[in-house]
Amino acid sequence: MSRAYCAVFHFLRALLFSRGVEPKTHSGAIHLFHTEFVRSGLFPSSQNGAIGSLQRTRELADYDAAAAFSSDDARAHLDDARGYARDA
């Protein structure tokens, strides 16, 4: 679960770096992605929801010892992560 989020996060950072923008935080990267790429129509607005979901799941996976995920959950998150590459 964490790796799906991290892959997308690094993808967003690379996109932002390509525009000369360097985010300082995870939330900053997500906000700047929305500002630079979603508002301009380069990525669909659904990508904002996907990154938020990936981030929340990553936090649960990394910090909540009681969190459990199924293989279907993992597949869904990987599909969400792959969506960024498809939309690029």
PDB file of N, CA and C in Angstrom:
ATOM      1  N   MET A   1       0.825  -1.176   0.000  1.00  0.00           N
ATOM      2  CA  MET A   1       0.000   0.000   0.000  1.00  0.00           C
ATOM      3  C   MET A   1       0.881   1.255   0.000  1.00  0.00           C
ATOM      4  N   SER A   2       1.935   1.193   0.773  1.00  0.00           N
ATOM      5  CA  SER A   2       2.836   2.346   0.838  1.00  0.00           C
ATOM      6  C   SER A   2       3.537   2.594  -0.482  1.00  0.00           C
ATOM      7  N   ARG A   3       3.922   1.523  -1.141  1.00  0.00           N
ATOM      8  CA  ARG A   3       4.669   1.682  -2.385  1.00  0.00           C
ATOM      9  C   ARG A   3       3.824   2.308  -3.492  1.00  0.00           C
ATOM     10  N   ALA A   4       2.539   2.003  -3.520  1.00  0.00           N
ATOM     11  CA  ALA A   4       1.665   2.616  -4.532  1.00  0.00           C
ATOM     12  C   ALA A   4       1.627   4.122  -4.320  1.00  0.00           C
ATOM     13  N   TYR A   5       1.462   4.544  -3.070  1.00  0.00           N
ATOM     14  CA  TYR A   5       1.450   5.980  -2.782  1.00  0.00           C
ATOM     15  C   TYR A   5       2.797   6.615  -3.112  1.00  0.00           C
ATOM     16  N   CYS A   6       3.871   5.986  -2.667  1.00  0.00           N
ATOM     17  CA  CYS A   6       5.204   6.567  -2.900  1.00  0.00           C
ATOM     18  C   CYS A   6       5.507   6.692  -4.384  1.00  0.00           C
ATOM     19  N   ALA A   7       5.091   5.717  -5.171  1.00  0.00           N
ATOM     20  CA  ALA A   7       5.312   5.806  -6.622  1.00  0.00           C
ATOM     21  C   ALA A   7       4.599   7.024  -7.198  1.00  0.00           C
ATOM     22  N   VAL A   8       3.365   7.234  -6.787  1.00  0.00           N
ATOM     23  CA  VAL A   8       2.608   8.386  -7.284  1.00  0.00           C
ATOM     24  C   VAL A   8       3.211   9.680  -6.760  1.00  0.00           C
ATOM     25  N   PHE A   9       3.583   9.706  -5.492  1.00  0.00           N
ATOM     26  CA  PHE A   9       4.169  10.908  -4.918  1.00  0.00           C
ATOM     27  C   PHE A   9       5.435  11.313  -5.684  1.00  0.00           C
ATOM     28  N   HIS A  10       6.295  10.361  -5.978  1.00  0.00           N
ATOM     29  CA  HIS A  10       7.521  10.680  -6.711  1.00  0.00           C
ATOM     30  C   HIS A  10       7.223  11.079  -8.153  1.00  0.00           C
ATOM     31  N   PHE A  11       6.198  10.489  -8.727  1.00  0.00           N
ATOM     32  CA  PHE A  11       5.759  10.890 -10.063  1.00  0.00           C
ATOM     33  C   PHE A  11       5.301  12.347 -10.058  1.00  0.00           C
ATOM     34  N   LEU A  12       4.495  12.715  -9.053  1.00  0.00           N
ATOM     35  CA  LEU A  12       4.025  14.101  -8.940  1.00  0.00           C
ATOM     36  C   LEU A  12       5.195  15.057  -8.761  1.00  0.00           C
ATOM     37  N   ARG A  13       6.141  14.683  -7.927  1.00  0.00           N
ATOM     38  CA  ARG A  13       7.318  15.539  -7.723  1.00  0.00           C
ATOM     39  C   ARG A  13       8.089  15.722  -9.024  1.00  0.00           C
ATOM     40  N   ALA A  14       8.247  14.655  -9.800  1.00  0.00           N
ATOM     41  CA  ALA A  14       8.962  14.763 -11.077  1.00  0.00           C
ATOM     42  C   ALA A  14       8.214  15.693 -12.028  1.00  0.00           C
ATOM     43  N   LEU A  15       6.888  15.577 -12.077  1.00  0.00           N
ATOM     44  CA  LEU A  15       6.101  16.487 -12.911  1.00  0.00           C
ATOM     45  C   LEU A  15       6.309  17.937 -12.479  1.00  0.00           C
ATOM     46  N   LEU A  16       6.250  18.158 -11.180  1.00  0.00           N
ATOM     47  CA  LEU A  16       6.418  19.515 -10.663  1.00  0.00           C
ATOM     48  C   LEU A  16       7.826  20.039 -10.923  1.00  0.00           C
ATOM     49  N   PHE A  17       8.835  19.201 -10.742  1.00  0.00           N
ATOM     50  CA  PHE A  17      10.211  19.608 -11.034  1.00  0.00           C
ATOM     51  C   PHE A  17      10.356  20.005 -12.495  1.00  0.00           C
ATOM     52  N   SER A  18       9.607  19.323 -13.377  1.00  0.00           N
ATOM     53  CA  SER A  18       9.690  19.653 -14.804  1.00  0.00           C
ATOM     54  C   SER A  18       9.187  21.060 -15.087  1.00  0.00           C
ATOM     55  N   ARG A  19       8.437  21.610 -14.164  1.00  0.00           N
ATOM     56  CA  ARG A  19       7.931  22.981 -14.278  1.00  0.00           C
ATOM     57  C   ARG A  19       8.712  23.953 -13.401  1.00  0.00           C
ATOM     58  N   GLY A  20       9.777  23.467 -12.794  1.00  0.00           N
ATOM     59  CA  GLY A  20      10.578  24.329 -11.930  1.00  0.00           C
ATOM     60  C   GLY A  20       9.970  24.557 -10.563  1.00  0.00           C
ATOM     61  N   VAL A  21       9.046  23.699 -10.160  1.00  0.00           N
ATOM     62  CA  VAL A  21       8.369  23.821  -8.869  1.00  0.00           C
ATOM     63  C   VAL A  21       8.873  22.711  -7.957  1.00  0.00           C
ATOM     64  N   GLU A  22       9.312  23.089  -6.754  1.00  0.00           N
ATOM     65  CA  GLU A  22       9.831  22.096  -5.811  1.00  0.00           C
ATOM     66  C   GLU A  22       9.011  22.122  -4.529  1.00  0.00           C
ATOM     67  N   PRO A  23       8.112  21.155  -4.363  1.00  0.00           N
ATOM     68  CA  PRO A  23       7.291  21.122  -3.152  1.00  0.00           C
ATOM     69  C   PRO A  23       8.129  20.747  -1.934  1.00  0.00           C
ATOM     70  N   LYS A  24       7.738  21.273  -0.790  1.00  0.00           N
ATOM     71  CA  LYS A  24       8.467  21.018   0.459  1.00  0.00           C
ATOM     72  C   LYS A  24       7.836  19.896   1.275  1.00  0.00           C
ATOM     73  N   THR A  25       6.548  19.632   1.057  1.00  0.00           N
ATOM     74  CA  THR A  25       5.836  18.626   1.849  1.00  0.00           C
ATOM     75  C   THR A  25       4.984  17.754   0.931  1.00  0.00           C
ATOM     76  N   HIS A  26       4.483  16.661   1.487  1.00  0.00           N
ATOM     77  CA  HIS A  26       3.583  15.802   0.725  1.00  0.00           C
ATOM     78  C   HIS A  26       2.311  16.563   0.357  1.00  0.00           C
ATOM     79  N   SER A  27       1.730  17.248   1.337  1.00  0.00           N
ATOM     80  CA  SER A  27       0.499  17.997   1.054  1.00  0.00           C
ATOM     81  C   SER A  27       0.769  19.122   0.059  1.00  0.00           C
ATOM     82  N   GLY A  28       1.950  19.717   0.140  1.00  0.00           N
ATOM     83  CA  GLY A  28       2.319  20.757  -0.822  1.00  0.00           C
ATOM     84  C   GLY A  28       2.421  20.217  -2.227  1.00  0.00           C
ATOM     85  N   ALA A  29       2.977  19.019  -2.365  1.00  0.00           N
ATOM     86  CA  ALA A  29       3.088  18.395  -3.690  1.00  0.00           C
ATOM     87  C   ALA A  29       1.705  18.119  -4.269  1.00  0.00           C
ATOM     88  N   ILE A  30       0.810  17.635  -3.432  1.00  0.00           N
ATOM     89  CA  ILE A  30      -0.550  17.339  -3.896  1.00  0.00           C
ATOM     90  C   ILE A  30      -1.263  18.631  -4.300  1.00  0.00           C
ATOM     91  N   HIS A  31      -1.130  19.655  -3.481  1.00  0.00           N
ATOM     92  CA  HIS A  31      -1.753  20.949  -3.796  1.00  0.00           C
ATOM     93  C   HIS A  31      -1.189  21.530  -5.103  1.00  0.00           C
ATOM     94  N   LEU A  32       0.121  21.501  -5.238  1.00  0.00           N
ATOM     95  CA  LEU A  32       0.737  22.049  -6.452  1.00  0.00           C
ATOM     96  C   LEU A  32       0.400  21.230  -7.692  1.00  0.00           C
ATOM     97  N   PHE A  33       0.272  19.917  -7.538  1.00  0.00           N
ATOM     98  CA  PHE A  33      -0.163  19.077  -8.652  1.00  0.00           C
ATOM     99  C   PHE A  33      -1.547  19.527  -9.117  1.00  0.00           C
ATOM    100  N   HIS A  34      -2.437  19.745  -8.162  1.00  0.00           N
ATOM    101  CA  HIS A  34      -3.784  20.208  -8.509  1.00  0.00           C
ATOM    102  C   HIS A  34      -3.714  21.557  -9.221  1.00  0.00           C
ATOM    103  N   THR A  35      -2.941  22.460  -8.670  1.00  0.00           N
ATOM    104  CA  THR A  35      -2.836  23.804  -9.236  1.00  0.00           C
ATOM    105  C   THR A  35      -2.221  23.788 -10.637  1.00  0.00           C
ATOM    106  N   GLU A  36      -1.128  23.069 -10.796  1.00  0.00           N
ATOM    107  CA  GLU A  36      -0.373  23.090 -12.052  1.00  0.00           C
ATOM    108  C   GLU A  36      -0.935  22.172 -13.135  1.00  0.00           C
ATOM    109  N   PHE A  37      -1.513  21.043 -12.745  1.00  0.00           N
ATOM    110  CA  PHE A  37      -1.862  20.032 -13.740  1.00  0.00           C
ATOM    111  C   PHE A  37      -3.354  19.710 -13.839  1.00  0.00           C
ATOM    112  N   VAL A  38      -4.056  19.742 -12.718  1.00  0.00           N
ATOM    113  CA  VAL A  38      -5.488  19.417 -12.772  1.00  0.00           C
ATOM    114  C   VAL A  38      -6.296  20.624 -13.227  1.00  0.00           C
ATOM    115  N   ARG A  39      -6.064  21.777 -12.617  1.00  0.00           N
ATOM    116  CA  ARG A  39      -6.814  22.979 -13.009  1.00  0.00           C
ATOM    117  C   ARG A  39      -6.606  23.342 -14.470  1.00  0.00           C
ATOM    118  N   SER A  40      -5.418  23.047 -14.985  1.00  0.00           N
ATOM    119  CA  SER A  40      -5.132  23.374 -16.388  1.00  0.00           C
ATOM    120  C   SER A  40      -5.703  22.335 -17.348  1.00  0.00           C
ATOM    121  N   GLY A  41      -6.270  21.252 -16.820  1.00  0.00           N
ATOM    122  CA  GLY A  41      -6.884  20.236 -17.663  1.00  0.00           C
ATOM    123  C   GLY A  41      -5.938  19.165 -18.162  1.00  0.00           C
ATOM    124  N   LEU A  42      -4.682  19.178 -17.722  1.00  0.00           N
ATOM    125  CA  LEU A  42      -3.730  18.161 -18.164  1.00  0.00           C
ATOM    126  C   LEU A  42      -3.992  16.804 -17.526  1.00  0.00           C
ATOM    127  N   PHE A  43      -4.582  16.808 -16.334  1.00  0.00           N
ATOM    128  CA  PHE A  43      -4.969  15.576 -15.650  1.00  0.00           C
ATOM    129  C   PHE A  43      -6.421  15.733 -15.207  1.00  0.00           C
ATOM    130  N   PRO A  44      -7.171  14.635 -15.178  1.00  0.00           N
ATOM    131  CA  PRO A  44      -8.564  14.721 -14.735  1.00  0.00           C
ATOM    132  C   PRO A  44      -8.656  14.992 -13.236  1.00  0.00           C
ATOM    133  N   SER A  45      -9.732  15.624 -12.823  1.00  0.00           N
ATOM    134  CA  SER A  45      -9.906  15.960 -11.408  1.00  0.00           C
ATOM    135  C   SER A  45     -10.001  14.709 -10.532  1.00  0.00           C
ATOM    136  N   SER A  46     -10.341  13.584 -11.122  1.00  0.00           N
ATOM    137  CA  SER A  46     -10.419  12.339 -10.349  1.00  0.00           C
ATOM    138  C   SER A  46      -9.066  11.968  -9.739  1.00  0.00           C
ATOM    139  N   GLN A  47      -7.988  12.482 -10.308  1.00  0.00           N
ATOM    140  CA  GLN A  47      -6.664  12.165  -9.778  1.00  0.00           C
ATOM    141  C   GLN A  47      -6.445  12.786  -8.402  1.00  0.00           C
ATOM    142  N   ASN A  48      -7.117  13.883  -8.103  1.00  0.00           N
ATOM    143  CA  ASN A  48      -7.011  14.463  -6.759  1.00  0.00           C
ATOM    144  C   ASN A  48      -7.555  13.511  -5.710  1.00  0.00           C
ATOM    145  N   GLY A  49      -8.705  12.923  -5.977  1.00  0.00           N
ATOM    146  CA  GLY A  49      -9.287  11.964  -5.039  1.00  0.00           C
ATOM    147  C   GLY A  49      -8.435  10.723  -4.892  1.00  0.00           C
ATOM    148  N   ALA A  50      -7.860  10.290  -6.001  1.00  0.00           N
ATOM    149  CA  ALA A  50      -7.030   9.081  -5.966  1.00  0.00           C
ATOM    150  C   ALA A  50      -5.794   9.287  -5.096  1.00  0.00           C
ATOM    151  N   ILE A  51      -5.119  10.412  -5.252  1.00  0.00           N
ATOM    152  CA  ILE A  51      -3.904  10.633  -4.456  1.00  0.00           C
ATOM    153  C   ILE A  51      -4.250  10.791  -2.980  1.00  0.00           C
ATOM    154  N   GLY A  52      -5.375  11.414  -2.679  1.00  0.00           N
ATOM    155  CA  GLY A  52      -5.802  11.536  -1.283  1.00  0.00           C
ATOM    156  C   GLY A  52      -6.079  10.177  -0.659  1.00  0.00           C
ATOM    157  N   SER A  53      -6.744   9.318  -1.400  1.00  0.00           N
ATOM    158  CA  SER A  53      -7.028   7.967  -0.922  1.00  0.00           C
ATOM    159  C   SER A  53      -5.750   7.166  -0.739  1.00  0.00           C
ATOM    160  N   LEU A  54      -4.843   7.275  -1.703  1.00  0.00           N
ATOM    161  CA  LEU A  54      -3.566   6.575  -1.595  1.00  0.00           C
ATOM    162  C   LEU A  54      -2.784   7.058  -0.374  1.00  0.00           C
ATOM    163  N   GLN A  55      -2.812   8.355  -0.126  1.00  0.00           N
ATOM    164  CA  GLN A  55      -2.074   8.901   1.016  1.00  0.00           C
ATOM    165  C   GLN A  55      -2.658   8.411   2.337  1.00  0.00           C
ATOM    166  N   ARG A  56      -3.978   8.443   2.468  1.00  0.00           N
ATOM    167  CA  ARG A  56      -4.611   7.979   3.709  1.00  0.00           C
ATOM    168  C   ARG A  56      -4.314   6.501   3.960  1.00  0.00           C
ATOM    169  N   THR A  57      -4.381   5.708   2.903  1.00  0.00           N
ATOM    170  CA  THR A  57      -4.111   4.276   3.053  1.00  0.00           C
ATOM    171  C   THR A  57      -2.656   4.040   3.431  1.00  0.00           C
ATOM    172  N   ARG A  58      -1.763   4.793   2.839  1.00  0.00           N
ATOM    173  CA  ARG A  58      -0.337   4.667   3.169  1.00  0.00           C
ATOM    174  C   ARG A  58      -0.104   4.969   4.635  1.00  0.00           C
ATOM    175  N   GLU A  59      -0.757   6.006   5.143  1.00  0.00           N
ATOM    176  CA  GLU A  59      -0.593   6.355   6.550  1.00  0.00           C
ATOM    177  C   GLU A  59      -1.111   5.243   7.458  1.00  0.00           C
ATOM    178  N   LEU A  60      -2.243   4.659   7.101  1.00  0.00           N
ATOM    179  CA  LEU A  60      -2.760   3.524   7.872  1.00  0.00           C
ATOM    180  C   LEU A  60      -1.788   2.351   7.823  1.00  0.00           C
ATOM    181  N   ALA A  61      -1.318   2.037   6.634  1.00  0.00           N
ATOM    182  CA  ALA A  61      -0.423   0.890   6.464  1.00  0.00           C
ATOM    183  C   ALA A  61       0.876   1.070   7.244  1.00  0.00           C
ATOM    184  N   ASP A  62       1.391   2.285   7.264  1.00  0.00           N
ATOM    185  CA  ASP A  62       2.675   2.537   7.911  1.00  0.00           C
ATOM    186  C   ASP A  62       2.574   2.758   9.421  1.00  0.00           C
ATOM    187  N   TYR A  63       1.453   3.285   9.898  1.00  0.00           N
ATOM    188  CA  TYR A  63       1.394   3.726  11.290  1.00  0.00           C
ATOM    189  C   TYR A  63       0.323   3.056  12.147  1.00  0.00           C
ATOM    190  N   ASP A  64      -0.550   2.263  11.565  1.00  0.00           N
ATOM    191  CA  ASP A  64      -1.596   1.601  12.340  1.00  0.00           C
ATOM    192  C   ASP A  64      -1.371   0.092  12.287  1.00  0.00           C
ATOM    193  N   ALA A  65      -0.852  -0.449  13.373  1.00  0.00           N
ATOM    194  CA  ALA A  65      -0.517  -1.874  13.410  1.00  0.00           C
ATOM    195  C   ALA A  65      -1.748  -2.760  13.234  1.00  0.00           C
ATOM    196  N   ALA A  66      -2.929  -2.236  13.516  1.00  0.00           N
ATOM    197  CA  ALA A  66      -4.147  -3.027  13.385  1.00  0.00           C
ATOM    198  C   ALA A  66      -4.740  -2.979  11.978  1.00  0.00           C
ATOM    199  N   ALA A  67      -4.198  -2.150  11.126  1.00  0.00           N
ATOM    200  CA  ALA A  67      -4.743  -2.024   9.768  1.00  0.00           C
ATOM    201  C   ALA A  67      -4.455  -3.296   8.973  1.00  0.00           C
ATOM    202  N   ALA A  68      -5.455  -3.750   8.259  1.00  0.00           N
ATOM    203  CA  ALA A  68      -5.310  -4.942   7.420  1.00  0.00           C
ATOM    204  C   ALA A  68      -5.903  -4.642   6.045  1.00  0.00           C
ATOM    205  N   PHE A  69      -5.239  -5.135   5.027  1.00  0.00           N
ATOM    206  CA  PHE A  69      -5.679  -4.896   3.661  1.00  0.00           C
ATOM    207  C   PHE A  69      -5.719  -6.217   2.908  1.00  0.00           C
ATOM    208  N   SER A  70      -6.679  -6.319   2.034  1.00  0.00           N
ATOM    209  CA  SER A  70      -6.805  -7.536   1.227  1.00  0.00           C
ATOM    210  C   SER A  70      -6.002  -7.389  -0.064  1.00  0.00           C
ATOM    211  N   SER A  71      -5.847  -8.488  -0.765  1.00  0.00           N
ATOM    212  CA  SER A  71      -5.167  -8.421  -2.061  1.00  0.00           C
ATOM    213  C   SER A  71      -5.991  -7.589  -3.040  1.00  0.00           C
ATOM    214  N   ASP A  72      -7.308  -7.581  -2.885  1.00  0.00           N
ATOM    215  CA  ASP A  72      -8.155  -6.730  -3.732  1.00  0.00           C
ATOM    216  C   ASP A  72      -7.893  -5.249  -3.451  1.00  0.00           C
ATOM    217  N   ASP A  73      -7.698  -4.910  -2.178  1.00  0.00           N
ATOM    218  CA  ASP A  73      -7.345  -3.533  -1.826  1.00  0.00           C
ATOM    219  C   ASP A  73      -6.032  -3.129  -2.498  1.00  0.00           C
ATOM    220  N   ALA A  74      -5.057  -4.001  -2.424  1.00  0.00           N
ATOM    221  CA  ALA A  74      -3.751  -3.707  -3.017  1.00  0.00           C
ATOM    222  C   ALA A  74      -3.866  -3.548  -4.528  1.00  0.00           C
ATOM    223  N   ARG A  75      -4.625  -4.423  -5.170  1.00  0.00           N
ATOM    224  CA  ARG A  75      -4.818  -4.311  -6.633  1.00  0.00           C
ATOM    225  C   ARG A  75      -5.489  -2.992  -6.997  1.00  0.00           C
ATOM    226  N   ALA A  76      -6.489  -2.601  -6.236  1.00  0.00           N
ATOM    227  CA  ALA A  76      -7.200  -1.343  -6.514  1.00  0.00           C
ATOM    228  C   ALA A  76      -6.255  -0.152  -6.375  1.00  0.00           C
ATOM    229  N   HIS A  77      -5.415  -0.174  -5.357  1.00  0.00           N
ATOM    230  CA  HIS A  77      -4.480   0.939  -5.169  1.00  0.00           C
ATOM    231  C   HIS A  77      -3.409   0.951  -6.258  1.00  0.00           C
ATOM    232  N   LEU A  78      -2.963  -0.206  -6.667  1.00  0.00           N
ATOM    233  CA  LEU A  78      -2.002  -0.259  -7.773  1.00  0.00           C
ATOM    234  C   LEU A  78      -2.637   0.262  -9.061  1.00  0.00           C
ATOM    235  N   ASP A  79      -3.894  -0.073  -9.289  1.00  0.00           N
ATOM    236  CA  ASP A  79      -4.599   0.451 -10.469  1.00  0.00           C
ATOM    237  C   ASP A  79      -4.714   1.969 -10.400  1.00  0.00           C
ATOM    238  N   ASP A  80      -5.009   2.502  -9.196  1.00  0.00           N
ATOM    239  CA  ASP A  80      -5.061   3.956  -9.041  1.00  0.00           C
ATOM    240  C   ASP A  80      -3.704   4.577  -9.350  1.00  0.00           C
ATOM    241  N   ALA A  81      -2.640   3.958  -8.867  1.00  0.00           N
ATOM    242  CA  ALA A  81      -1.292   4.477  -9.115  1.00  0.00           C
ATOM    243  C   ALA A  81      -0.957   4.425 -10.604  1.00  0.00           C
ATOM    244  N   ARG A  82      -1.309   3.358 -11.257  1.00  0.00           N
ATOM    245  CA  ARG A  82      -1.042   3.232 -12.687  1.00  0.00           C
ATOM    246  C   ARG A  82      -1.821   4.255 -13.511  1.00  0.00           C
ATOM    247  N   GLY A  83      -2.938   4.719 -12.976  1.00  0.00           N
ATOM    248  CA  GLY A  83      -3.755   5.711 -13.659  1.00  0.00           C
ATOM    249  C   GLY A  83      -2.997   7.004 -13.934  1.00  0.00           C
ATOM    250  N   TYR A  84      -2.063   7.334 -13.071  1.00  0.00           N
ATOM    251  CA  TYR A  84      -1.271   8.555 -13.296  1.00  0.00           C
ATOM    252  C   TYR A  84      -0.399   8.419 -14.535  1.00  0.00           C
ATOM    253  N   ALA A  85       0.191   7.261 -14.704  1.00  0.00           N
ATOM    254  CA  ALA A  85       1.033   7.045 -15.890  1.00  0.00           C
ATOM    255  C   ALA A  85       0.193   7.035 -17.164  1.00  0.00           C
ATOM    256  N   ARG A  86      -1.011   6.477 -17.068  1.00  0.00           N
ATOM    257  CA  ARG A  86      -1.895   6.448 -18.242  1.00  0.00           C
ATOM    258  C   ARG A  86      -2.327   7.849 -18.639  1.00  0.00           C
ATOM    259  N   ASP A  87      -2.543   8.705 -17.641  1.00  0.00           N
ATOM    260  CA  ASP A  87      -3.030  10.054 -17.921  1.00  0.00           C
ATOM    261  C   ASP A  87      -1.915  11.026 -18.278  1.00  0.00           C
ATOM    262  N   ALA A  88      -0.678  10.602 -18.074  1.00  0.00           N
ATOM    263  CA  ALA A  88       0.464  11.511 -18.348  1.00  0.00           C
ATOM    264  C   ALA A  88       0.639  11.750 -19.827  1.00  0.00           C
TER     265      ALA A  88
END
